[in-house]
Protein backbone atom coordinates (compact mmCIF):
# COMPACT_ATOMS: atom_id res chain seq x y z
CA UNK A 1 0.00 0.00 0.00
CA UNK A 2 2.75 2.48 0.89
CA UNK A 3 4.58 1.92 -2.39
CA UNK A 4 1.34 2.24 -4.38
CA UNK A 5 0.41 5.40 -2.49
CA UNK A 6 3.84 7.00 -2.93
CA UNK A 7 3.95 6.22 -6.67
CA UNK A 8 0.31 7.06 -7.38
CA UNK A 9 0.25 10.32 -5.44
CA UNK A 10 3.46 11.51 -7.08
CA UNK A 11 2.06 10.84 -10.56
CA UNK A 12 -1.48 12.03 -9.81
CA UNK A 13 -0.31 15.31 -8.25
CA UNK A 14 1.83 16.11 -11.31
CA UNK A 15 -0.63 15.06 -14.01
CA UNK A 16 -4.25 15.18 -12.78
CA UNK A 17 -4.31 17.41 -9.70
CA UNK A 18 -5.94 20.75 -10.49
CA UNK A 19 -4.67 23.51 -8.16
CA UNK A 20 -7.84 25.54 -8.83
CA UNK A 21 -9.77 23.02 -6.72
CA UNK A 22 -7.13 22.82 -3.98
CA UNK A 23 -7.83 19.10 -3.43
CA UNK A 24 -7.33 15.91 -5.36
CA UNK A 25 -9.05 12.56 -4.92
CA UNK A 26 -8.25 9.01 -5.92
CA UNK A 27 -10.62 6.05 -5.47
CA UNK A 28 -9.00 2.72 -6.22
CA UNK A 29 -8.79 -0.87 -5.01
CA UNK A 30 -5.37 -1.81 -3.64
CA UNK A 31 -4.57 -5.21 -2.17
CA UNK A 32 -8.27 -6.12 -2.48
CA UNK A 33 -9.41 -3.14 -0.39
CA UNK A 34 -11.34 -0.21 -1.83
CA UNK A 35 -9.66 3.04 -0.81
CA UNK A 36 -10.41 6.74 -1.18
CA UNK A 37 -7.48 9.14 -0.91
CA UNK A 38 -8.17 12.87 -0.62
CA UNK A 39 -5.18 15.21 -0.60
CA UNK A 40 -3.88 18.71 -1.18
CA UNK A 41 -0.51 20.00 -2.35
CA UNK A 42 1.30 22.33 0.05
CA UNK A 43 3.57 24.81 -1.70
CA UNK A 44 6.51 26.83 -0.43
CA UNK A 45 6.77 30.64 -0.65
CA UNK A 46 7.93 30.47 -4.26
CA UNK A 47 4.93 28.33 -5.25
CA UNK A 48 6.86 25.10 -5.69
CA UNK A 49 5.14 21.94 -4.38
CA UNK A 50 6.71 20.80 -1.11
CA UNK A 51 4.34 18.29 0.52
CA UNK A 52 1.22 16.30 -0.05
CA UNK A 53 -1.18 16.22 2.89
CA UNK A 54 -4.21 13.98 2.90
CA UNK A 55 -6.18 11.17 4.36
CA UNK A 56 -7.48 7.76 3.45
CA UNK A 57 -11.11 6.85 3.95
CA UNK A 58 -13.33 3.90 3.15
CA UNK A 59 -15.22 5.04 0.02
CA UNK A 60 -18.41 3.46 1.35
CA UNK A 61 -18.53 6.44 3.72
CA UNK A 62 -19.27 8.63 0.70
CA UNK A 63 -22.22 6.56 -0.51
CA UNK A 64 -24.93 8.07 1.71
CA UNK A 65 -24.31 11.73 0.78
CA UNK A 66 -23.88 10.87 -2.89
CA UNK A 67 -27.06 8.79 -3.07
CA UNK A 68 -29.20 11.07 -0.91
CA UNK A 69 -30.19 13.16 -3.93
CA UNK A 70 -30.50 10.15 -6.20
CA UNK A 71 -33.63 10.34 -8.30
CA UNK A 72 -34.36 13.91 -7.16
CA UNK A 73 -31.97 15.82 -9.37
CA UNK A 74 -31.41 15.39 -13.10
CA UNK A 75 -28.11 13.96 -14.25
CA UNK A 76 -28.16 16.34 -17.21
CA UNK A 77 -30.03 19.63 -17.56
CA UNK A 78 -33.09 19.58 -19.85
CA UNK A 79 -31.48 21.76 -22.56
CA UNK A 80 -28.88 19.02 -23.08
CA UNK A 81 -31.46 16.24 -23.29
CA UNK A 82 -33.90 17.89 -25.69
CA UNK A 83 -36.29 18.65 -22.82
CA UNK A 84 -36.44 15.08 -21.50
CA UNK A 85 -35.91 14.85 -17.75
CA UNK A 86 -33.45 12.06 -16.96
CA UNK A 87 -32.77 11.09 -13.38
CA UNK A 88 -30.54 8.29 -12.15
CA UNK A 89 -33.58 6.11 -11.46
CA UNK A 90 -34.65 6.30 -15.11
CA UNK A 91 -32.55 4.18 -17.47
CA UNK A 92 -32.07 4.44 -21.17
CA UNK A 93 -32.92 1.30 -23.12
């Protein structure tokens, strides 16, 4: 896990991390365990990245907040669907 985390965070922070959002997130299964890593890049006075600070959480902890609005809010706004309301509970055939 440590090796995966060290390698993955180094690559992710250089290639996918968007400093506009101030946080990055990775959800992945490692050693058969689903993991969610949330982190931020700490920069020095010159703006160069110095440290990554973050935490690991079981991604199942995110399920309740993510699914709370399920079926209540459209996945896509009506202008993008030709006026058809599409919620997660409605499936395309």
